Amino acid sequence: MKILITGGAGYIGSHTILEVIEKTSWEVISADNFLRSSPATFERIKNISNRQIKNYDVDLCNLENTKNIFSENTDIQGVIHFAALKSVPESVANPELYYHNNNESLKNILACIKEFGIKNFIFSSSCSVYGNIETLPVNEESPLQKAQSPYAQTKREGEEMIATFAKENANIFSIALRYFNPVGAHISGLIGEAPIGKPDNIVPAITQFAIGKIEQFNVFGNDYKTRDGSCIRDYIHVSDIAYAHVLALQVLCDRKIKNNFEIINLGTGNGVTVLEAIKAFEKVSNKKLNYKIAPQRAGDVEAIYSDSTKALNLLGWKPKFNIEQMMESAWKWQLNQSAKNQ
């Protein structure tokens, strides 16, 4: 079976490619124009797996160029769509970029899926669609609150687009996976989160601060209504999330879901505060972080963590890594990167 992974050079996309290689006999191709990623990712994948991945350097917002991928690969049987911009602060600063890039690329992918008769589609969604929700943990039936950022709004609109598409195309089966907070790196330490520029996400910010790559690390807010005043998140290892995509695509191919569109949460079910995450890193790295407390950041949700019962029941999936293992793998990746750059 041949599958297309869009955003294959990205953080979760690259780890999913590795899970596909390690766990299946599927052939995988990628589409990534390196807007927020690097071609070096494919060299890292090759070093780990001894497999060279064919990548199409295509802006998926261009319909004709996107169609060309499918025209050259008429045997694609499934698509996993990661390609999207994902920075909450950037989306607040430049919402038009996010609405165009994230929504237009999805619209074009769906058009190609329909035109080329592809029956299986996985969409990379986010727990950010829930907004500031009062009852925790959240499950797939929890009512969505106001989106706190344009990024979150694009994921919500993406899900709505697929829901409409599913009603009109009963023979095409889709799953939207709502990730909570992906962190960590591949157990080899040879591939991990590699943000372009200053990181917005907590774990690369922690590891880059600890190694001396960035001069300051801020905790945005210590006055939330949480047990230590910092935000609560459901951190989940990137390889656990990546493997869920393999399981989800297999479930679609085997037609083991009743509805042709399902939404599934991916989280550990454990809420961890930002300050607790920092303590976990300090424990595994034996480094004390001299972080600073900064004001709350626009777009951030106060607290969220998942009820992932549906993922267990539908996909047979449950996460393997705990917060200390997540931090340990991220630190291993950072140390490897720093050693290479010396």
C-alpha atoms as a PDB file:
ATOM      1  CA  MET A   1       0.000   0.000   0.000  1.00  0.00           C
ATOM      2  CA  LYS A   2       1.276   3.473  -0.888  1.00  0.00           C
ATOM      3  CA  ILE A   3       0.436   6.410   1.368  1.00  0.00           C
ATOM      4  CA  LEU A   4       1.074  10.147   1.133  1.00  0.00           C
ATOM      5  CA  ILE A   5       2.164  12.048   4.217  1.00  0.00           C
ATOM      6  CA  THR A   6       1.927  15.816   3.832  1.00  0.00           C
ATOM      7  CA  GLY A   7       4.308  17.781   6.025  1.00  0.00           C
ATOM      8  CA  GLY A   8       6.608  14.764   6.102  1.00  0.00           C
ATOM      9  CA  ALA A   9       9.645  16.832   7.094  1.00  0.00           C
ATOM     10  CA  GLY A  10       7.801  18.290  10.073  1.00  0.00           C
ATOM     11  CA  TYR A  11       7.989  17.182  13.684  1.00  0.00           C
ATOM     12  CA  ILE A  12       5.086  14.730  13.851  1.00  0.00           C
ATOM     13  CA  GLY A  13       5.176  13.924  10.132  1.00  0.00           C
ATOM     14  CA  SER A  14       8.790  12.719  10.273  1.00  0.00           C
ATOM     15  CA  HIS A  15       8.153  10.550  13.333  1.00  0.00           C
ATOM     16  CA  THR A  16       5.083   9.089  11.626  1.00  0.00           C
ATOM     17  CA  ILE A  17       7.174   8.193   8.573  1.00  0.00           C
ATOM     18  CA  LEU A  18       9.515   6.301  10.913  1.00  0.00           C
ATOM     19  CA  GLU A  19       6.586   4.484  12.563  1.00  0.00           C
ATOM     20  CA  VAL A  20       5.265   3.493   9.118  1.00  0.00           C
ATOM     21  CA  ILE A  21       8.699   2.161   8.127  1.00  0.00           C
ATOM     22  CA  GLU A  22       9.189   0.326  11.428  1.00  0.00           C
ATOM     23  CA  LYS A  23       5.671  -1.098  11.862  1.00  0.00           C
ATOM     24  CA  THR A  24       4.321  -1.733   8.330  1.00  0.00           C
ATOM     25  CA  SER A  25       5.236  -2.769   4.808  1.00  0.00           C
ATOM     26  CA  TRP A  26       3.610   0.363   3.329  1.00  0.00           C
ATOM     27  CA  GLU A  27       5.396   2.584   0.827  1.00  0.00           C
ATOM     28  CA  VAL A  28       5.414   6.211   1.930  1.00  0.00           C
ATOM     29  CA  ILE A  29       5.912   9.412  -0.031  1.00  0.00           C
ATOM     30  CA  SER A  30       5.980  12.941   1.360  1.00  0.00           C
ATOM     31  CA  ALA A  31       4.908  16.444   0.333  1.00  0.00           C
ATOM     32  CA  ASP A  32       6.699  19.257   2.153  1.00  0.00           C
ATOM     33  CA  ASN A  33       7.821  22.672   0.883  1.00  0.00           C
ATOM     34  CA  PHE A  34      10.063  23.293   3.946  1.00  0.00           C
ATOM     35  CA  LEU A  35       8.246  26.464   5.019  1.00  0.00           C
ATOM     36  CA  ARG A  36       8.785  25.487   8.667  1.00  0.00           C
ATOM     37  CA  SER A  37      11.034  22.443   8.261  1.00  0.00           C
ATOM     38  CA  SER A  38      14.319  21.354   6.691  1.00  0.00           C
ATOM     39  CA  PRO A  39      15.356  18.891   3.946  1.00  0.00           C
ATOM     40  CA  ALA A  40      17.891  17.572   6.484  1.00  0.00           C
ATOM     41  CA  THR A  41      14.984  15.733   8.128  1.00  0.00           C
ATOM     42  CA  PHE A  42      14.968  13.182   5.314  1.00  0.00           C
ATOM     43  CA  GLU A  43      18.674  12.512   5.839  1.00  0.00           C
ATOM     44  CA  ARG A  44      17.945  11.856   9.507  1.00  0.00           C
ATOM     45  CA  ILE A  45      15.148   9.465   8.565  1.00  0.00           C
ATOM     46  CA  LYS A  46      17.551   7.672   6.217  1.00  0.00           C
ATOM     47  CA  ASN A  47      20.218   7.420   8.941  1.00  0.00           C
ATOM     48  CA  ILE A  48      17.724   5.780  11.293  1.00  0.00           C
ATOM     49  CA  SER A  49      15.829   3.552   8.841  1.00  0.00           C
ATOM     50  CA  ASN A  50      18.133   3.170   5.844  1.00  0.00           C
ATOM     51  CA  ARG A  51      15.207   4.315   3.679  1.00  0.00           C
ATOM     52  CA  GLN A  52      15.233   7.263   1.298  1.00  0.00           C
ATOM     53  CA  ILE A  53      11.835   8.976   1.253  1.00  0.00           C
ATOM     54  CA  LYS A  54      10.635  10.610  -1.958  1.00  0.00           C
ATOM     55  CA  ASN A  55       9.465  14.139  -1.189  1.00  0.00           C
ATOM     56  CA  TYR A  56       7.538  16.563  -3.383  1.00  0.00           C
ATOM     57  CA  ASP A  57       8.601  20.159  -2.690  1.00  0.00           C
ATOM     58  CA  VAL A  58       5.100  21.522  -3.278  1.00  0.00           C
ATOM     59  CA  ASP A  59       3.010  24.299  -1.752  1.00  0.00           C
ATOM     60  CA  LEU A  60      -0.284  22.510  -1.166  1.00  0.00           C
ATOM     61  CA  CYS A  61      -2.125  25.828  -1.439  1.00  0.00           C
ATOM     62  CA  ASN A  62      -1.459  25.521  -5.184  1.00  0.00           C
ATOM     63  CA  LEU A  63      -4.103  23.121  -6.485  1.00  0.00           C
ATOM     64  CA  GLU A  64      -2.455  22.260  -9.813  1.00  0.00           C
ATOM     65  CA  ASN A  65       0.887  21.440  -8.198  1.00  0.00           C
ATOM     66  CA  THR A  66      -0.909  19.368  -5.587  1.00  0.00           C
ATOM     67  CA  LYS A  67      -2.778  17.475  -8.302  1.00  0.00           C
ATOM     68  CA  ASN A  68       0.533  16.622  -9.946  1.00  0.00           C
ATOM     69  CA  ILE A  69       1.545  14.559  -6.905  1.00  0.00           C
ATOM     70  CA  PHE A  70      -1.570  12.437  -7.257  1.00  0.00           C
ATOM     71  CA  SER A  71      -1.243  12.205 -11.050  1.00  0.00           C
ATOM     72  CA  GLU A  72       2.260  10.753 -10.639  1.00  0.00           C
ATOM     73  CA  ASN A  73       1.108   8.366  -7.892  1.00  0.00           C
ATOM     74  CA  THR A  74      -2.243   6.955  -8.951  1.00  0.00           C
ATOM     75  CA  ASP A  75      -1.789   4.026  -6.526  1.00  0.00           C
ATOM     76  CA  ILE A  76      -2.022   6.146  -3.351  1.00  0.00           C
ATOM     77  CA  GLN A  77      -4.519   4.472  -1.006  1.00  0.00           C
ATOM     78  CA  GLY A  78      -4.340   6.751   2.006  1.00  0.00           C
ATOM     79  CA  VAL A  79      -3.373  10.313   2.941  1.00  0.00           C
ATOM     80  CA  ILE A  80      -2.187  11.600   6.318  1.00  0.00           C
ATOM     81  CA  HIS A  81      -2.413  15.389   6.267  1.00  0.00           C
ATOM     82  CA  PHE A  82      -0.044  17.128   8.695  1.00  0.00           C
ATOM     83  CA  ALA A  83       1.017  20.094   6.544  1.00  0.00           C
ATOM     84  CA  ALA A  84      -0.056  23.246   8.415  1.00  0.00           C
ATOM     85  CA  LEU A  85       1.351  26.159  10.342  1.00  0.00           C
ATOM     86  CA  LYS A  86       1.039  25.529  14.081  1.00  0.00           C
ATOM     87  CA  SER A  87       2.403  28.414  16.180  1.00  0.00           C
ATOM     88  CA  VAL A  88      -0.258  29.957  18.431  1.00  0.00           C
ATOM     89  CA  PRO A  89       1.635  33.262  18.933  1.00  0.00           C
ATOM     90  CA  GLU A  90       2.377  33.568  15.207  1.00  0.00           C
ATOM     91  CA  SER A  91      -1.271  32.932  14.371  1.00  0.00           C
ATOM     92  CA  VAL A  92      -2.309  35.727  16.757  1.00  0.00           C
ATOM     93  CA  ALA A  93       0.191  38.073  15.084  1.00  0.00           C
ATOM     94  CA  ASN A  94      -0.584  37.003  11.498  1.00  0.00           C
ATOM     95  CA  PRO A  95      -4.037  35.398  11.309  1.00  0.00           C
ATOM     96  CA  GLU A  96      -4.430  35.860   7.543  1.00  0.00           C
ATOM     97  CA  LEU A  97      -1.392  33.650   6.904  1.00  0.00           C
ATOM     98  CA  TYR A  98      -2.931  30.868   9.005  1.00  0.00           C
ATOM     99  CA  TYR A  99      -6.399  31.051   7.499  1.00  0.00           C
ATOM    100  CA  HIS A 100      -4.947  30.924   4.003  1.00  0.00           C
ATOM    101  CA  ASN A 101      -2.254  28.289   4.503  1.00  0.00           C
ATOM    102  CA  ASN A 102      -4.079  25.818   6.742  1.00  0.00           C
ATOM    103  CA  ASN A 103      -7.532  25.993   5.175  1.00  0.00           C
ATOM    104  CA  GLU A 104      -6.528  26.269   1.525  1.00  0.00           C
ATOM    105  CA  SER A 105      -4.116  23.335   1.696  1.00  0.00           C
ATOM    106  CA  LEU A 106      -6.771  21.121   3.312  1.00  0.00           C
ATOM    107  CA  LYS A 107      -9.349  22.154   0.719  1.00  0.00           C
ATOM    108  CA  ASN A 108      -6.963  21.184  -2.091  1.00  0.00           C
ATOM    109  CA  ILE A 109      -6.076  17.841  -0.502  1.00  0.00           C
ATOM    110  CA  LEU A 110      -9.763  16.970  -0.121  1.00  0.00           C
ATOM    111  CA  ALA A 111     -10.397  17.921  -3.749  1.00  0.00           C
ATOM    112  CA  CYS A 112      -7.595  15.581  -4.859  1.00  0.00           C
ATOM    113  CA  ILE A 113      -8.795  12.762  -2.631  1.00  0.00           C
ATOM    114  CA  LYS A 114     -12.195  12.968  -4.276  1.00  0.00           C
ATOM    115  CA  GLU A 115     -10.874  13.347  -7.843  1.00  0.00           C
ATOM    116  CA  PHE A 116      -8.354  10.507  -7.591  1.00  0.00           C
ATOM    117  CA  GLY A 117     -10.631   8.086  -5.752  1.00  0.00           C
ATOM    118  CA  ILE A 118      -8.675   7.809  -2.492  1.00  0.00           C
ATOM    119  CA  LYS A 119     -10.772   6.249   0.241  1.00  0.00           C
ATOM    120  CA  ASN A 120      -8.767   6.816   3.462  1.00  0.00           C
ATOM    121  CA  PHE A 121      -7.846  10.157   5.050  1.00  0.00           C
ATOM    122  CA  ILE A 122      -6.286  11.142   8.395  1.00  0.00           C
ATOM    123  CA  PHE A 123      -6.366  14.803   9.497  1.00  0.00           C
ATOM    124  CA  SER A 124      -3.962  16.336  11.990  1.00  0.00           C
ATOM    125  CA  SER A 125      -6.167  18.296  14.395  1.00  0.00           C
ATOM    126  CA  SER A 126      -5.586  19.740  17.847  1.00  0.00           C
ATOM    127  CA  CYS A 127      -6.963  19.920  21.358  1.00  0.00           C
ATOM    128  CA  SER A 128      -6.894  23.704  20.871  1.00  0.00           C
ATOM    129  CA  VAL A 129     -10.338  23.352  19.248  1.00  0.00           C
ATOM    130  CA  TYR A 130     -11.834  22.854  22.741  1.00  0.00           C
ATOM    131  CA  GLY A 131     -10.883  26.353  23.975  1.00  0.00           C
ATOM    132  CA  ASN A 132     -11.075  27.166  27.686  1.00  0.00           C
ATOM    133  CA  ILE A 133     -13.230  24.268  28.788  1.00  0.00           C
ATOM    134  CA  GLU A 134     -14.593  23.978  32.335  1.00  0.00           C
ATOM    135  CA  THR A 135     -15.072  20.223  32.740  1.00  0.00           C
ATOM    136  CA  LEU A 136     -11.901  18.110  32.597  1.00  0.00           C
ATOM    137  CA  PRO A 137     -10.798  15.756  31.211  1.00  0.00           C
ATOM    138  CA  VAL A 138     -12.263  16.516  27.781  1.00  0.00           C
ATOM    139  CA  ASN A 139     -13.664  13.849  25.497  1.00  0.00           C
ATOM    140  CA  GLU A 140     -14.803  14.052  21.897  1.00  0.00           C
ATOM    141  CA  GLU A 141     -18.335  14.999  22.965  1.00  0.00           C
ATOM    142  CA  SER A 142     -17.217  17.945  25.125  1.00  0.00           C
ATOM    143  CA  PRO A 143     -18.785  21.175  23.840  1.00  0.00           C
ATOM    144  CA  LEU A 144     -16.295  23.390  22.018  1.00  0.00           C
ATOM    145  CA  GLN A 145     -15.717  26.773  23.619  1.00  0.00           C
ATOM    146  CA  LYS A 146     -14.495  29.933  21.882  1.00  0.00           C
ATOM    147  CA  ALA A 147     -11.281  29.317  19.922  1.00  0.00           C
ATOM    148  CA  GLN A 148      -8.457  31.142  21.691  1.00  0.00           C
ATOM    149  CA  SER A 149      -6.292  31.688  18.600  1.00  0.00           C
ATOM    150  CA  PRO A 150      -6.542  31.800  14.803  1.00  0.00           C
ATOM    151  CA  TYR A 151      -4.534  28.539  14.748  1.00  0.00           C
ATOM    152  CA  ALA A 152      -7.220  26.849  16.854  1.00  0.00           C
ATOM    153  CA  GLN A 153      -9.909  28.315  14.619  1.00  0.00           C
ATOM    154  CA  THR A 154      -8.260  26.858  11.492  1.00  0.00           C
ATOM    155  CA  LYS A 155      -8.278  23.394  13.081  1.00  0.00           C
ATOM    156  CA  ARG A 156     -11.934  23.783  13.995  1.00  0.00           C
ATOM    157  CA  GLU A 157     -12.787  24.912  10.474  1.00  0.00           C
ATOM    158  CA  GLY A 158     -10.722  22.027   9.090  1.00  0.00           C
ATOM    159  CA  GLU A 159     -12.789  19.506  11.045  1.00  0.00           C
ATOM    160  CA  GLU A 160     -16.006  21.180   9.856  1.00  0.00           C
ATOM    161  CA  MET A 161     -14.765  21.032   6.268  1.00  0.00           C
ATOM    162  CA  ILE A 162     -14.100  17.291   6.581  1.00  0.00           C
ATOM    163  CA  ALA A 163     -17.463  16.669   8.267  1.00  0.00           C
ATOM    164  CA  THR A 164     -19.233  18.325   5.323  1.00  0.00           C
ATOM    165  CA  PHE A 165     -17.026  16.436   2.868  1.00  0.00           C
ATOM    166  CA  ALA A 166     -17.876  13.138   4.599  1.00  0.00           C
ATOM    167  CA  LYS A 167     -21.622  13.746   4.234  1.00  0.00           C
ATOM    168  CA  GLU A 168     -21.185  14.350   0.509  1.00  0.00           C
ATOM    169  CA  ASN A 169     -18.778  11.415  -0.036  1.00  0.00           C
ATOM    170  CA  ALA A 170     -20.073   8.387   1.833  1.00  0.00           C
ATOM    171  CA  ASN A 171     -17.445   6.068   0.340  1.00  0.00           C
ATOM    172  CA  ILE A 172     -14.483   8.074   1.705  1.00  0.00           C
ATOM    173  CA  PHE A 173     -13.519   7.389   5.338  1.00  0.00           C
ATOM    174  CA  SER A 174     -11.744   9.971   7.489  1.00  0.00           C
ATOM    175  CA  ILE A 175     -10.431  10.340  11.033  1.00  0.00           C
ATOM    176  CA  ALA A 176      -9.434  13.630  12.680  1.00  0.00           C
ATOM    177  CA  LEU A 177      -6.911  13.075  15.463  1.00  0.00           C
ATOM    178  CA  ARG A 178      -6.987  15.806  18.094  1.00  0.00           C
ATOM    179  CA  TYR A 179      -3.473  15.915  19.592  1.00  0.00           C
ATOM    180  CA  PHE A 180      -2.853  17.290  22.993  1.00  0.00           C
ATOM    181  CA  ASN A 181       0.777  18.434  23.472  1.00  0.00           C
ATOM    182  CA  PRO A 182       3.340  16.452  21.460  1.00  0.00           C
ATOM    183  CA  VAL A 183       6.837  16.505  22.981  1.00  0.00           C
ATOM    184  CA  GLY A 184       9.997  14.417  23.059  1.00  0.00           C
ATOM    185  CA  ALA A 185      12.041  12.811  20.318  1.00  0.00           C
ATOM    186  CA  HIS A 186      12.695   9.458  18.642  1.00  0.00           C
ATOM    187  CA  ILE A 187      14.409   7.009  21.002  1.00  0.00           C
ATOM    188  CA  SER A 188      17.510   7.060  18.778  1.00  0.00           C
ATOM    189  CA  GLY A 189      18.037  10.728  19.610  1.00  0.00           C
ATOM    190  CA  LEU A 190      18.709  11.287  15.900  1.00  0.00           C
ATOM    191  CA  ILE A 191      15.484  13.106  15.079  1.00  0.00           C
ATOM    192  CA  GLY A 192      13.254  15.408  17.103  1.00  0.00           C
ATOM    193  CA  GLU A 193      11.579  18.795  17.224  1.00  0.00           C
ATOM    194  CA  ALA A 194      13.672  21.301  15.268  1.00  0.00           C
ATOM    195  CA  PRO A 195      11.857  24.646  15.181  1.00  0.00           C
ATOM    196  CA  ILE A 196      13.017  27.298  12.719  1.00  0.00           C
ATOM    197  CA  GLY A 197      14.019  30.341  14.772  1.00  0.00           C
ATOM    198  CA  LYS A 198      13.093  30.845  18.419  1.00  0.00           C
ATOM    199  CA  PRO A 199      10.848  28.003  19.639  1.00  0.00           C
ATOM    200  CA  ASP A 200       7.263  28.699  20.729  1.00  0.00           C
ATOM    201  CA  ASN A 201       6.725  25.255  22.247  1.00  0.00           C
ATOM    202  CA  ILE A 202       7.820  24.548  25.795  1.00  0.00           C
ATOM    203  CA  VAL A 203      10.105  21.537  25.436  1.00  0.00           C
ATOM    204  CA  PRO A 204      12.430  22.797  22.668  1.00  0.00           C
ATOM    205  CA  ALA A 205      12.508  26.118  24.541  1.00  0.00           C
ATOM    206  CA  ILE A 206      13.568  24.276  27.720  1.00  0.00           C
ATOM    207  CA  THR A 207      16.245  22.171  26.017  1.00  0.00           C
ATOM    208  CA  GLN A 208      17.646  25.083  23.983  1.00  0.00           C
ATOM    209  CA  PHE A 209      17.798  27.222  27.133  1.00  0.00           C
ATOM    210  CA  ALA A 210      19.494  24.422  29.076  1.00  0.00           C
ATOM    211  CA  ILE A 211      22.143  23.957  26.366  1.00  0.00           C
ATOM    212  CA  GLY A 212      22.730  27.716  26.090  1.00  0.00           C
ATOM    213  CA  LYS A 213      21.289  28.170  22.616  1.00  0.00           C
ATOM    214  CA  ILE A 214      18.768  30.753  23.803  1.00  0.00           C
ATOM    215  CA  GLU A 215      19.465  33.260  26.569  1.00  0.00           C
ATOM    216  CA  GLN A 216      16.122  33.349  28.333  1.00  0.00           C
ATOM    217  CA  PHE A 217      13.280  30.962  29.055  1.00  0.00           C
ATOM    218  CA  ASN A 218       9.937  32.372  30.141  1.00  0.00           C
ATOM    219  CA  VAL A 219       7.060  30.696  31.916  1.00  0.00           C
ATOM    220  CA  PHE A 220       4.037  32.584  30.617  1.00  0.00           C
ATOM    221  CA  GLY A 221       1.880  33.154  33.674  1.00  0.00           C
ATOM    222  CA  ASN A 222       1.992  31.909  37.277  1.00  0.00           C
ATOM    223  CA  ASP A 223      -1.406  33.343  38.153  1.00  0.00           C
ATOM    224  CA  TYR A 224      -3.714  30.849  36.455  1.00  0.00           C
ATOM    225  CA  LYS A 225      -6.296  29.058  38.632  1.00  0.00           C
ATOM    226  CA  THR A 226      -4.217  25.862  38.730  1.00  0.00           C
ATOM    227  CA  ARG A 227      -2.355  24.039  41.509  1.00  0.00           C
ATOM    228  CA  ASP A 228       0.869  26.028  40.995  1.00  0.00           C
ATOM    229  CA  GLY A 229      -0.399  28.949  38.911  1.00  0.00           C
ATOM    230  CA  SER A 230       1.042  27.731  35.585  1.00  0.00           C
ATOM    231  CA  CYS A 231      -0.895  26.290  32.634  1.00  0.00           C
ATOM    232  CA  ILE A 232      -1.868  22.607  32.675  1.00  0.00           C
ATOM    233  CA  ARG A 233      -1.221  20.535  29.566  1.00  0.00           C
ATOM    234  CA  ASP A 234      -1.452  16.891  28.513  1.00  0.00           C
ATOM    235  CA  TYR A 235       2.074  16.217  27.256  1.00  0.00           C
ATOM    236  CA  ILE A 236       2.390  13.160  25.043  1.00  0.00           C
ATOM    237  CA  HIS A 237       5.411  11.609  23.380  1.00  0.00           C
ATOM    238  CA  VAL A 238       5.633  12.303  19.653  1.00  0.00           C
ATOM    239  CA  SER A 239       6.272   8.624  18.852  1.00  0.00           C
ATOM    240  CA  ASP A 240       3.081   7.642  20.688  1.00  0.00           C
ATOM    241  CA  ILE A 241       1.173  10.140  18.557  1.00  0.00           C
ATOM    242  CA  ALA A 242       2.931   8.963  15.392  1.00  0.00           C
ATOM    243  CA  TYR A 243       2.007   5.325  16.049  1.00  0.00           C
ATOM    244  CA  ALA A 244      -1.644   6.327  16.518  1.00  0.00           C
ATOM    245  CA  HIS A 245      -1.658   7.438  12.861  1.00  0.00           C
ATOM    246  CA  VAL A 246      -0.514   4.018  11.727  1.00  0.00           C
ATOM    247  CA  LEU A 247      -3.274   2.390  13.764  1.00  0.00           C
ATOM    248  CA  ALA A 248      -5.877   4.901  12.556  1.00  0.00           C
ATOM    249  CA  LEU A 249      -5.030   4.379   8.898  1.00  0.00           C
ATOM    250  CA  GLN A 250      -5.155   0.612   9.345  1.00  0.00           C
ATOM    251  CA  VAL A 251      -8.569   0.885  11.011  1.00  0.00           C
ATOM    252  CA  LEU A 252      -9.803   2.930   8.047  1.00  0.00           C
ATOM    253  CA  CYS A 253      -8.418   0.481   5.493  1.00  0.00           C
ATOM    254  CA  ASP A 254     -10.060  -2.420   7.358  1.00  0.00           C
ATOM    255  CA  ARG A 255     -13.338  -0.441   7.643  1.00  0.00           C
ATOM    256  CA  LYS A 256     -13.478  -1.030  11.387  1.00  0.00           C
ATOM    257  CA  ILE A 257     -15.399   2.178  12.058  1.00  0.00           C
ATOM    258  CA  LYS A 258     -19.148   2.575  11.594  1.00  0.00           C
ATOM    259  CA  ASN A 259     -19.172   6.233  10.584  1.00  0.00           C
ATOM    260  CA  ASN A 260     -17.171   7.573   7.660  1.00  0.00           C
ATOM    261  CA  PHE A 261     -15.859  10.442   9.811  1.00  0.00           C
ATOM    262  CA  GLU A 262     -14.625  10.055  13.379  1.00  0.00           C
ATOM    263  CA  ILE A 263     -12.886  12.471  15.757  1.00  0.00           C
ATOM    264  CA  ILE A 264     -10.457  10.935  18.257  1.00  0.00           C
ATOM    265  CA  ASN A 265      -8.457  12.503  21.101  1.00  0.00           C
ATOM    266  CA  LEU A 266      -4.793  11.598  21.550  1.00  0.00           C
ATOM    267  CA  GLY A 267      -3.509  12.318  25.044  1.00  0.00           C
ATOM    268  CA  THR A 268      -2.200  10.568  28.132  1.00  0.00           C
ATOM    269  CA  GLY A 269      -5.091  11.693  30.335  1.00  0.00           C
ATOM    270  CA  ASN A 270      -2.652  13.286  32.796  1.00  0.00           C
ATOM    271  CA  GLY A 271      -2.591  17.025  33.327  1.00  0.00           C
ATOM    272  CA  VAL A 272       0.924  18.322  33.968  1.00  0.00           C
ATOM    273  CA  THR A 273       1.651  21.961  34.811  1.00  0.00           C
ATOM    274  CA  VAL A 274       4.376  23.884  33.023  1.00  0.00           C
ATOM    275  CA  LEU A 275       6.327  24.096  36.282  1.00  0.00           C
ATOM    276  CA  GLU A 276       5.981  20.318  36.808  1.00  0.00           C
ATOM    277  CA  ALA A 277       7.265  19.737  33.272  1.00  0.00           C
ATOM    278  CA  ILE A 278      10.289  21.910  34.061  1.00  0.00           C
ATOM    279  CA  LYS A 279      10.941  19.895  37.248  1.00  0.00           C
ATOM    280  CA  ALA A 280      10.778  16.650  35.237  1.00  0.00           C
ATOM    281  CA  PHE A 281      13.388  18.028  32.849  1.00  0.00           C
ATOM    282  CA  GLU A 282      15.612  19.191  35.715  1.00  0.00           C
ATOM    283  CA  LYS A 283      15.444  15.707  37.221  1.00  0.00           C
ATOM    284  CA  VAL A 284      16.491  13.783  34.082  1.00  0.00           C
ATOM    285  CA  SER A 285      19.116  16.329  32.960  1.00  0.00           C
ATOM    286  CA  ASN A 286      20.573  17.207  36.373  1.00  0.00           C
ATOM    287  CA  LYS A 287      20.333  20.861  35.342  1.00  0.00           C
ATOM    288  CA  LYS A 288      18.683  23.688  37.262  1.00  0.00           C
ATOM    289  CA  LEU A 289      16.842  26.120  34.988  1.00  0.00           C
ATOM    290  CA  ASN A 290      16.949  29.804  35.884  1.00  0.00           C
ATOM    291  CA  TYR A 291      13.666  30.619  34.139  1.00  0.00           C
ATOM    292  CA  LYS A 292      11.681  33.839  34.419  1.00  0.00           C
ATOM    293  CA  ILE A 293       7.976  34.334  35.052  1.00  0.00           C
ATOM    294  CA  ALA A 294       6.368  36.430  32.299  1.00  0.00           C
ATOM    295  CA  PRO A 295       2.787  37.668  31.832  1.00  0.00           C
ATOM    296  CA  GLN A 296       0.164  35.321  30.407  1.00  0.00           C
ATOM    297  CA  ARG A 297       0.480  34.878  26.640  1.00  0.00           C
ATOM    298  CA  ALA A 298      -2.365  35.693  24.262  1.00  0.00           C
ATOM    299  CA  GLY A 299      -3.992  32.562  22.842  1.00  0.00           C
ATOM    300  CA  ASP A 300      -2.991  30.209  25.656  1.00  0.00           C
ATOM    301  CA  VAL A 301      -5.630  28.009  27.275  1.00  0.00           C
ATOM    302  CA  GLU A 302      -5.493  27.726  31.085  1.00  0.00           C
ATOM    303  CA  ALA A 303      -5.858  23.958  31.496  1.00  0.00           C
ATOM    304  CA  ILE A 304      -6.640  20.989  29.292  1.00  0.00           C
ATOM    305  CA  TYR A 305      -6.081  17.255  29.336  1.00  0.00           C
ATOM    306  CA  SER A 306      -7.673  14.340  27.566  1.00  0.00           C
ATOM    307  CA  ASP A 307     -10.013  11.479  28.059  1.00  0.00           C
ATOM    308  CA  SER A 308      -8.577   9.110  25.442  1.00  0.00           C
ATOM    309  CA  THR A 309     -10.973   6.195  25.986  1.00  0.00           C
ATOM    310  CA  LYS A 310     -12.176   6.407  22.386  1.00  0.00           C
ATOM    311  CA  ALA A 311      -8.616   6.011  21.061  1.00  0.00           C
ATOM    312  CA  LEU A 312      -8.237   2.848  23.144  1.00  0.00           C
ATOM    313  CA  ASN A 313     -11.593   1.435  22.056  1.00  0.00           C
ATOM    314  CA  LEU A 314     -11.437   2.311  18.343  1.00  0.00           C
ATOM    315  CA  LEU A 315      -7.703   2.110  17.653  1.00  0.00           C
ATOM    316  CA  GLY A 316      -6.433  -0.152  20.418  1.00  0.00           C
ATOM    317  CA  TRP A 317      -4.037   2.693  21.267  1.00  0.00           C
ATOM    318  CA  LYS A 318      -2.571   3.813  24.545  1.00  0.00           C
ATOM    319  CA  PRO A 319       0.566   5.876  25.172  1.00  0.00           C
ATOM    320  CA  LYS A 320       3.752   4.236  26.476  1.00  0.00           C
ATOM    321  CA  PHE A 321       5.984   7.144  27.564  1.00  0.00           C
ATOM    322  CA  ASN A 322       5.754   9.176  30.802  1.00  0.00           C
ATOM    323  CA  ILE A 323       6.766  12.834  31.249  1.00  0.00           C
ATOM    324  CA  GLU A 324      10.305  12.016  32.411  1.00  0.00           C
ATOM    325  CA  GLN A 325      10.896   9.738  29.407  1.00  0.00           C
ATOM    326  CA  MET A 326       9.556  12.486  27.146  1.00  0.00           C
ATOM    327  CA  MET A 327      11.992  14.996  28.623  1.00  0.00           C
ATOM    328  CA  GLU A 328      14.873  12.524  28.539  1.00  0.00           C
ATOM    329  CA  SER A 329      14.367  11.817  24.822  1.00  0.00           C
ATOM    330  CA  ALA A 330      14.120  15.539  24.009  1.00  0.00           C
ATOM    331  CA  TRP A 331      17.331  16.217  25.937  1.00  0.00           C
ATOM    332  CA  LYS A 332      19.127  13.381  24.117  1.00  0.00           C
ATOM    333  CA  TRP A 333      18.094  14.908  20.773  1.00  0.00           C
ATOM    334  CA  GLN A 334      19.252  18.378  21.877  1.00  0.00           C
ATOM    335  CA  LEU A 335      22.635  17.053  23.057  1.00  0.00           C
ATOM    336  CA  ASN A 336      23.135  15.237  19.740  1.00  0.00           C
ATOM    337  CA  GLN A 337      22.314  18.384  17.788  1.00  0.00           C
ATOM    338  CA  SER A 338      24.654  20.518  19.866  1.00  0.00           C
ATOM    339  CA  ALA A 339      27.492  17.979  19.495  1.00  0.00           C
ATOM    340  CA  LYS A 340      27.080  18.076  15.697  1.00  0.00           C
ATOM    341  CA  ASN A 341      27.236  21.864  15.637  1.00  0.00           C
ATOM    342  CA  GLN A 342      30.458  22.111  17.647  1.00  0.00           C
END
